[in-house]
Amino acid sequence: MKKILEFLGVNVIKDIGKVIDDIFTNDEERQKVKNELVKIIQQKELELQKMQTEIIVAEAKGNWLQRSWRPILMLAFGFIVIYVKFLAPLFDLKIPELENEFWNLLQLGIGGYVIGRSAEKIADNIVIKK
């Protein structure tokens, strides 16, 4: 999640700044538009942080499985990493090769689990009209 915010915060703002520089010739107008965009982005980041907090609080109030499945999964990932990087080499055990997909999944588990919970939370609010 942090990487996504950094990407949006840095790369997108730079690209938007270039477009603004091309469109506006007056320095005052250019700076005014940039300031307004920064305010909007900061407001959206605050909203995202509020949503993340609400999700964590809601999950903490759930049953044992709701509160525990992510930590259990991350402990399993942690054990795999400890085995592959430390235990297996130390005791000359068979070392399985961990594909890039494993590391990608681990990154998502560490940094991005909030998105899945967000989708679960808003799923009840979606109404399909026919």
N, C-alpha and C. Protein backbone atom coordinates (compact mmCIF):
# COMPACT_ATOMS: atom_id res chain seq x y z
N MET A 1 0.81 -1.18 0.00
CA MET A 1 0.00 0.00 0.00
C MET A 1 0.87 1.26 0.00
N LYS A 2 1.94 1.20 0.78
CA LYS A 2 2.82 2.35 0.85
C LYS A 2 3.42 2.66 -0.52
N LYS A 3 3.80 1.60 -1.25
CA LYS A 3 4.36 1.82 -2.58
C LYS A 3 3.35 2.46 -3.52
N ILE A 4 2.09 2.04 -3.39
CA ILE A 4 1.03 2.62 -4.23
C ILE A 4 0.90 4.11 -3.93
N LEU A 5 0.85 4.45 -2.64
CA LEU A 5 0.73 5.86 -2.27
C LEU A 5 1.94 6.66 -2.70
N GLU A 6 3.13 6.07 -2.55
CA GLU A 6 4.33 6.78 -3.00
C GLU A 6 4.29 7.00 -4.51
N PHE A 7 3.85 5.96 -5.24
CA PHE A 7 3.74 6.08 -6.69
C PHE A 7 2.78 7.20 -7.06
N LEU A 8 1.59 7.18 -6.43
CA LEU A 8 0.60 8.21 -6.73
C LEU A 8 1.08 9.57 -6.26
N GLY A 9 1.72 9.60 -5.11
CA GLY A 9 2.16 10.86 -4.55
C GLY A 9 3.29 11.51 -5.31
N VAL A 10 4.19 10.73 -5.85
CA VAL A 10 5.37 11.29 -6.50
C VAL A 10 5.21 11.33 -8.01
N ASN A 11 5.03 10.18 -8.62
CA ASN A 11 4.99 10.11 -10.08
C ASN A 11 3.80 10.85 -10.67
N VAL A 12 2.63 10.64 -10.10
CA VAL A 12 1.44 11.27 -10.66
C VAL A 12 1.51 12.78 -10.49
N ILE A 13 1.97 13.23 -9.33
CA ILE A 13 2.07 14.68 -9.10
C ILE A 13 3.07 15.31 -10.07
N LYS A 14 4.18 14.63 -10.32
CA LYS A 14 5.15 15.15 -11.28
C LYS A 14 4.53 15.27 -12.67
N ASP A 15 3.81 14.21 -13.08
CA ASP A 15 3.19 14.24 -14.40
C ASP A 15 2.12 15.32 -14.49
N ILE A 16 1.33 15.46 -13.45
CA ILE A 16 0.30 16.51 -13.44
C ILE A 16 0.96 17.88 -13.47
N GLY A 17 2.06 18.03 -12.73
CA GLY A 17 2.79 19.30 -12.73
C GLY A 17 3.29 19.67 -14.11
N LYS A 18 3.76 18.68 -14.86
CA LYS A 18 4.22 18.94 -16.23
C LYS A 18 3.07 19.42 -17.12
N VAL A 19 1.91 18.77 -16.96
CA VAL A 19 0.74 19.16 -17.76
C VAL A 19 0.32 20.59 -17.39
N ILE A 20 0.31 20.89 -16.11
CA ILE A 20 -0.07 22.24 -15.67
C ILE A 20 0.91 23.26 -16.22
N ASP A 21 2.19 22.94 -16.19
CA ASP A 21 3.20 23.86 -16.72
C ASP A 21 2.98 24.12 -18.21
N ASP A 22 2.53 23.09 -18.93
CA ASP A 22 2.29 23.26 -20.37
C ASP A 22 1.02 24.07 -20.64
N ILE A 23 0.01 23.90 -19.81
CA ILE A 23 -1.28 24.57 -20.04
C ILE A 23 -1.25 26.03 -19.60
N PHE A 24 -0.73 26.28 -18.41
CA PHE A 24 -0.74 27.63 -17.86
C PHE A 24 0.59 28.32 -18.11
N THR A 25 0.50 29.57 -18.58
CA THR A 25 1.71 30.33 -18.85
C THR A 25 2.02 31.31 -17.72
N ASN A 26 0.99 31.69 -16.98
CA ASN A 26 1.16 32.62 -15.88
C ASN A 26 1.63 31.85 -14.64
N ASP A 27 2.70 32.33 -13.99
CA ASP A 27 3.24 31.64 -12.81
C ASP A 27 2.25 31.60 -11.66
N GLU A 28 1.47 32.68 -11.49
CA GLU A 28 0.48 32.71 -10.41
C GLU A 28 -0.59 31.65 -10.60
N GLU A 29 -1.13 31.58 -11.81
CA GLU A 29 -2.16 30.57 -12.11
C GLU A 29 -1.59 29.17 -11.94
N ARG A 30 -0.42 28.96 -12.45
CA ARG A 30 0.24 27.66 -12.38
C ARG A 30 0.38 27.21 -10.92
N GLN A 31 0.88 28.09 -10.06
CA GLN A 31 1.08 27.75 -8.65
C GLN A 31 -0.26 27.55 -7.94
N LYS A 32 -1.26 28.34 -8.28
CA LYS A 32 -2.58 28.21 -7.66
C LYS A 32 -3.18 26.83 -7.97
N VAL A 33 -3.10 26.41 -9.22
CA VAL A 33 -3.64 25.11 -9.61
C VAL A 33 -2.87 23.98 -8.92
N LYS A 34 -1.54 24.10 -8.87
CA LYS A 34 -0.74 23.08 -8.20
C LYS A 34 -1.10 22.98 -6.72
N ASN A 35 -1.28 24.12 -6.06
CA ASN A 35 -1.64 24.12 -4.64
C ASN A 35 -3.01 23.45 -4.43
N GLU A 36 -3.97 23.73 -5.29
CA GLU A 36 -5.29 23.12 -5.17
C GLU A 36 -5.21 21.60 -5.35
N LEU A 37 -4.42 21.15 -6.31
CA LEU A 37 -4.25 19.71 -6.52
C LEU A 37 -3.60 19.04 -5.32
N VAL A 38 -2.60 19.68 -4.73
CA VAL A 38 -1.95 19.12 -3.54
C VAL A 38 -2.96 19.02 -2.40
N LYS A 39 -3.81 20.03 -2.23
CA LYS A 39 -4.84 19.98 -1.18
C LYS A 39 -5.78 18.81 -1.40
N ILE A 40 -6.20 18.60 -2.64
CA ILE A 40 -7.11 17.49 -2.95
C ILE A 40 -6.45 16.16 -2.65
N ILE A 41 -5.21 15.99 -3.07
CA ILE A 41 -4.50 14.72 -2.84
C ILE A 41 -4.31 14.48 -1.34
N GLN A 42 -3.97 15.52 -0.59
CA GLN A 42 -3.81 15.36 0.86
C GLN A 42 -5.14 14.97 1.51
N GLN A 43 -6.24 15.57 1.06
CA GLN A 43 -7.56 15.23 1.60
C GLN A 43 -7.90 13.77 1.32
N LYS A 44 -7.62 13.31 0.12
CA LYS A 44 -7.89 11.92 -0.23
C LYS A 44 -7.02 10.95 0.57
N GLU A 45 -5.79 11.33 0.84
CA GLU A 45 -4.92 10.49 1.67
C GLU A 45 -5.47 10.38 3.09
N LEU A 46 -6.00 11.49 3.62
CA LEU A 46 -6.62 11.46 4.94
C LEU A 46 -7.85 10.56 4.96
N GLU A 47 -8.66 10.64 3.90
CA GLU A 47 -9.83 9.77 3.80
C GLU A 47 -9.42 8.31 3.75
N LEU A 48 -8.37 8.01 3.02
CA LEU A 48 -7.87 6.64 2.93
C LEU A 48 -7.39 6.14 4.29
N GLN A 49 -6.69 6.97 5.02
CA GLN A 49 -6.22 6.59 6.36
C GLN A 49 -7.40 6.34 7.30
N LYS A 50 -8.45 7.16 7.20
CA LYS A 50 -9.65 6.95 8.03
C LYS A 50 -10.29 5.61 7.70
N MET A 51 -10.39 5.30 6.41
CA MET A 51 -10.99 4.03 6.00
C MET A 51 -10.15 2.86 6.51
N GLN A 52 -8.83 2.97 6.42
CA GLN A 52 -7.96 1.90 6.91
C GLN A 52 -8.16 1.69 8.42
N THR A 53 -8.28 2.79 9.14
CA THR A 53 -8.50 2.70 10.59
C THR A 53 -9.83 2.02 10.89
N GLU A 54 -10.87 2.39 10.17
CA GLU A 54 -12.19 1.78 10.37
C GLU A 54 -12.15 0.28 10.08
N ILE A 55 -11.42 -0.09 9.06
CA ILE A 55 -11.31 -1.51 8.69
C ILE A 55 -10.62 -2.29 9.80
N ILE A 56 -9.54 -1.76 10.30
CA ILE A 56 -8.80 -2.46 11.35
C ILE A 56 -9.65 -2.59 12.61
N VAL A 57 -10.39 -1.53 12.95
CA VAL A 57 -11.26 -1.57 14.13
C VAL A 57 -12.37 -2.60 13.94
N ALA A 58 -12.99 -2.60 12.75
CA ALA A 58 -14.07 -3.56 12.48
C ALA A 58 -13.56 -5.00 12.54
N GLU A 59 -12.38 -5.23 11.99
CA GLU A 59 -11.82 -6.58 12.02
C GLU A 59 -11.48 -7.01 13.44
N ALA A 60 -11.02 -6.08 14.25
CA ALA A 60 -10.67 -6.40 15.64
C ALA A 60 -11.90 -6.77 16.46
N LYS A 61 -13.06 -6.29 16.05
CA LYS A 61 -14.30 -6.58 16.78
C LYS A 61 -14.96 -7.88 16.31
N GLY A 62 -14.45 -8.49 15.26
CA GLY A 62 -15.05 -9.70 14.69
C GLY A 62 -14.74 -10.94 15.53
N ASN A 63 -15.14 -12.08 14.99
CA ASN A 63 -14.90 -13.35 15.70
C ASN A 63 -13.41 -13.73 15.63
N TRP A 64 -13.05 -14.84 16.28
CA TRP A 64 -11.65 -15.24 16.37
C TRP A 64 -11.03 -15.43 14.98
N LEU A 65 -11.75 -16.05 14.07
CA LEU A 65 -11.19 -16.30 12.75
C LEU A 65 -10.97 -15.00 11.98
N GLN A 66 -11.91 -14.05 12.08
CA GLN A 66 -11.74 -12.76 11.42
C GLN A 66 -10.53 -12.01 11.96
N ARG A 67 -10.31 -12.10 13.25
CA ARG A 67 -9.19 -11.39 13.86
C ARG A 67 -7.86 -12.08 13.58
N SER A 68 -7.88 -13.38 13.31
CA SER A 68 -6.64 -14.15 13.32
C SER A 68 -6.14 -14.65 11.98
N TRP A 69 -6.95 -14.68 10.95
CA TRP A 69 -6.50 -15.36 9.74
C TRP A 69 -5.30 -14.67 9.09
N ARG A 70 -5.27 -13.35 9.06
CA ARG A 70 -4.13 -12.66 8.46
C ARG A 70 -2.86 -12.87 9.28
N PRO A 71 -2.91 -12.69 10.60
CA PRO A 71 -1.69 -12.96 11.38
C PRO A 71 -1.20 -14.40 11.24
N ILE A 72 -2.12 -15.37 11.20
CA ILE A 72 -1.71 -16.77 11.05
C ILE A 72 -1.03 -16.98 9.71
N LEU A 73 -1.59 -16.40 8.65
CA LEU A 73 -1.01 -16.52 7.32
C LEU A 73 0.38 -15.88 7.28
N MET A 74 0.53 -14.72 7.89
CA MET A 74 1.83 -14.05 7.89
C MET A 74 2.85 -14.82 8.72
N LEU A 75 2.40 -15.47 9.80
CA LEU A 75 3.32 -16.32 10.57
C LEU A 75 3.79 -17.51 9.72
N ALA A 76 2.88 -18.06 8.93
CA ALA A 76 3.27 -19.16 8.04
C ALA A 76 4.30 -18.69 7.02
N PHE A 77 4.07 -17.53 6.43
CA PHE A 77 5.05 -16.97 5.50
C PHE A 77 6.39 -16.74 6.21
N GLY A 78 6.32 -16.22 7.42
CA GLY A 78 7.55 -15.97 8.19
C GLY A 78 8.31 -17.26 8.43
N PHE A 79 7.60 -18.33 8.77
CA PHE A 79 8.26 -19.62 8.99
C PHE A 79 8.93 -20.10 7.71
N ILE A 80 8.26 -19.94 6.57
CA ILE A 80 8.84 -20.37 5.30
C ILE A 80 10.14 -19.62 5.04
N VAL A 81 10.13 -18.31 5.25
CA VAL A 81 11.34 -17.50 5.02
C VAL A 81 12.45 -17.92 5.98
N ILE A 82 12.12 -18.11 7.24
CA ILE A 82 13.13 -18.53 8.23
C ILE A 82 13.71 -19.89 7.86
N TYR A 83 12.84 -20.82 7.43
CA TYR A 83 13.32 -22.14 7.04
C TYR A 83 14.28 -22.04 5.85
N VAL A 84 13.84 -21.34 4.80
CA VAL A 84 14.63 -21.28 3.56
C VAL A 84 15.93 -20.52 3.76
N LYS A 85 15.90 -19.44 4.50
CA LYS A 85 17.07 -18.58 4.61
C LYS A 85 18.01 -18.95 5.76
N PHE A 86 17.48 -19.60 6.81
CA PHE A 86 18.32 -19.85 7.98
C PHE A 86 18.41 -21.33 8.37
N LEU A 87 17.28 -21.97 8.60
CA LEU A 87 17.30 -23.34 9.12
C LEU A 87 17.84 -24.35 8.13
N ALA A 88 17.33 -24.32 6.90
CA ALA A 88 17.78 -25.30 5.91
C ALA A 88 19.28 -25.20 5.64
N PRO A 89 19.83 -24.01 5.40
CA PRO A 89 21.28 -23.94 5.20
C PRO A 89 22.09 -24.35 6.44
N LEU A 90 21.58 -24.02 7.60
CA LEU A 90 22.30 -24.32 8.84
C LEU A 90 22.41 -25.82 9.09
N PHE A 91 21.35 -26.57 8.77
CA PHE A 91 21.32 -28.01 9.03
C PHE A 91 21.42 -28.85 7.76
N ASP A 92 21.85 -28.28 6.67
CA ASP A 92 21.99 -28.97 5.38
C ASP A 92 20.71 -29.68 4.97
N LEU A 93 19.58 -29.00 5.12
CA LEU A 93 18.29 -29.55 4.70
C LEU A 93 17.99 -29.12 3.27
N LYS A 94 17.03 -29.80 2.67
CA LYS A 94 16.65 -29.45 1.31
C LYS A 94 16.06 -28.05 1.30
N ILE A 95 16.52 -27.22 0.36
CA ILE A 95 16.07 -25.83 0.27
C ILE A 95 15.17 -25.69 -0.95
N PRO A 96 13.88 -25.48 -0.73
CA PRO A 96 13.00 -25.27 -1.88
C PRO A 96 13.24 -23.88 -2.48
N GLU A 97 13.07 -23.80 -3.78
CA GLU A 97 13.23 -22.50 -4.44
C GLU A 97 11.92 -21.73 -4.32
N LEU A 98 12.02 -20.52 -3.86
CA LEU A 98 10.83 -19.68 -3.73
C LEU A 98 10.74 -18.79 -4.96
N GLU A 99 9.67 -18.96 -5.71
CA GLU A 99 9.49 -18.19 -6.93
C GLU A 99 9.17 -16.74 -6.61
N ASN A 100 9.25 -15.91 -7.63
CA ASN A 100 8.92 -14.50 -7.48
C ASN A 100 7.49 -14.31 -6.98
N GLU A 101 6.60 -15.22 -7.39
CA GLU A 101 5.21 -15.11 -6.96
C GLU A 101 5.08 -15.19 -5.44
N PHE A 102 5.91 -16.02 -4.81
CA PHE A 102 5.88 -16.11 -3.35
C PHE A 102 6.25 -14.76 -2.73
N TRP A 103 7.32 -14.15 -3.22
CA TRP A 103 7.76 -12.87 -2.67
C TRP A 103 6.75 -11.77 -2.96
N ASN A 104 6.13 -11.81 -4.13
CA ASN A 104 5.07 -10.84 -4.43
C ASN A 104 3.89 -11.00 -3.48
N LEU A 105 3.52 -12.24 -3.23
CA LEU A 105 2.42 -12.52 -2.31
C LEU A 105 2.78 -12.07 -0.90
N LEU A 106 4.01 -12.29 -0.50
CA LEU A 106 4.46 -11.85 0.82
C LEU A 106 4.39 -10.33 0.93
N GLN A 107 4.81 -9.63 -0.11
CA GLN A 107 4.73 -8.17 -0.11
C GLN A 107 3.29 -7.70 0.02
N LEU A 108 2.40 -8.34 -0.73
CA LEU A 108 0.99 -7.97 -0.64
C LEU A 108 0.45 -8.23 0.76
N GLY A 109 0.84 -9.35 1.34
CA GLY A 109 0.37 -9.68 2.68
C GLY A 109 0.84 -8.70 3.71
N ILE A 110 2.07 -8.25 3.58
CA ILE A 110 2.62 -7.31 4.55
C ILE A 110 2.03 -5.92 4.36
N GLY A 111 1.93 -5.48 3.13
CA GLY A 111 1.57 -4.09 2.91
C GLY A 111 0.18 -3.80 2.40
N GLY A 112 -0.49 -4.78 1.82
CA GLY A 112 -1.72 -4.45 1.14
C GLY A 112 -2.97 -5.18 1.56
N TYR A 113 -3.01 -5.81 2.72
CA TYR A 113 -4.18 -6.59 3.09
C TYR A 113 -5.40 -5.72 3.32
N VAL A 114 -5.22 -4.44 3.55
CA VAL A 114 -6.33 -3.53 3.84
C VAL A 114 -7.28 -3.43 2.64
N ILE A 115 -6.75 -3.53 1.44
CA ILE A 115 -7.59 -3.41 0.25
C ILE A 115 -8.63 -4.52 0.20
N GLY A 116 -8.22 -5.74 0.49
CA GLY A 116 -9.17 -6.86 0.49
C GLY A 116 -10.25 -6.68 1.52
N ARG A 117 -9.87 -6.20 2.67
CA ARG A 117 -10.86 -5.98 3.73
C ARG A 117 -11.79 -4.82 3.35
N SER A 118 -11.27 -3.82 2.66
CA SER A 118 -12.10 -2.71 2.20
C SER A 118 -13.17 -3.22 1.25
N ALA A 119 -12.78 -4.08 0.34
CA ALA A 119 -13.74 -4.64 -0.61
C ALA A 119 -14.81 -5.44 0.12
N GLU A 120 -14.41 -6.22 1.13
CA GLU A 120 -15.38 -6.97 1.91
C GLU A 120 -16.36 -6.03 2.60
N LYS A 121 -15.86 -4.94 3.11
CA LYS A 121 -16.68 -4.01 3.88
C LYS A 121 -17.69 -3.28 3.00
N ILE A 122 -17.30 -2.90 1.79
CA ILE A 122 -18.22 -2.15 0.95
C ILE A 122 -19.12 -3.06 0.10
N ALA A 123 -18.83 -4.34 0.07
CA ALA A 123 -19.61 -5.25 -0.77
C ALA A 123 -21.08 -5.25 -0.40
N ASP A 124 -21.39 -5.09 0.88
CA ASP A 124 -22.79 -5.06 1.31
C ASP A 124 -23.52 -3.79 0.85
N ASN A 125 -22.78 -2.74 0.57
CA ASN A 125 -23.39 -1.47 0.18
C ASN A 125 -23.65 -1.36 -1.33
N ILE A 126 -23.14 -2.31 -2.09
CA ILE A 126 -23.31 -2.27 -3.54
C ILE A 126 -24.66 -2.88 -3.90
N VAL A 127 -25.46 -2.12 -4.64
CA VAL A 127 -26.77 -2.57 -5.06
C VAL A 127 -26.77 -2.63 -6.58
N ILE A 128 -27.11 -3.77 -7.13
CA ILE A 128 -27.19 -3.94 -8.58
C ILE A 128 -28.62 -3.67 -9.01
N LYS A 129 -28.79 -2.65 -9.88
CA LYS A 129 -30.13 -2.28 -10.36
C LYS A 129 -30.35 -2.93 -11.72
N LYS A 130 -31.56 -3.46 -11.90
CA LYS A 130 -31.91 -4.07 -13.19
C LYS A 130 -32.97 -3.29 -13.87
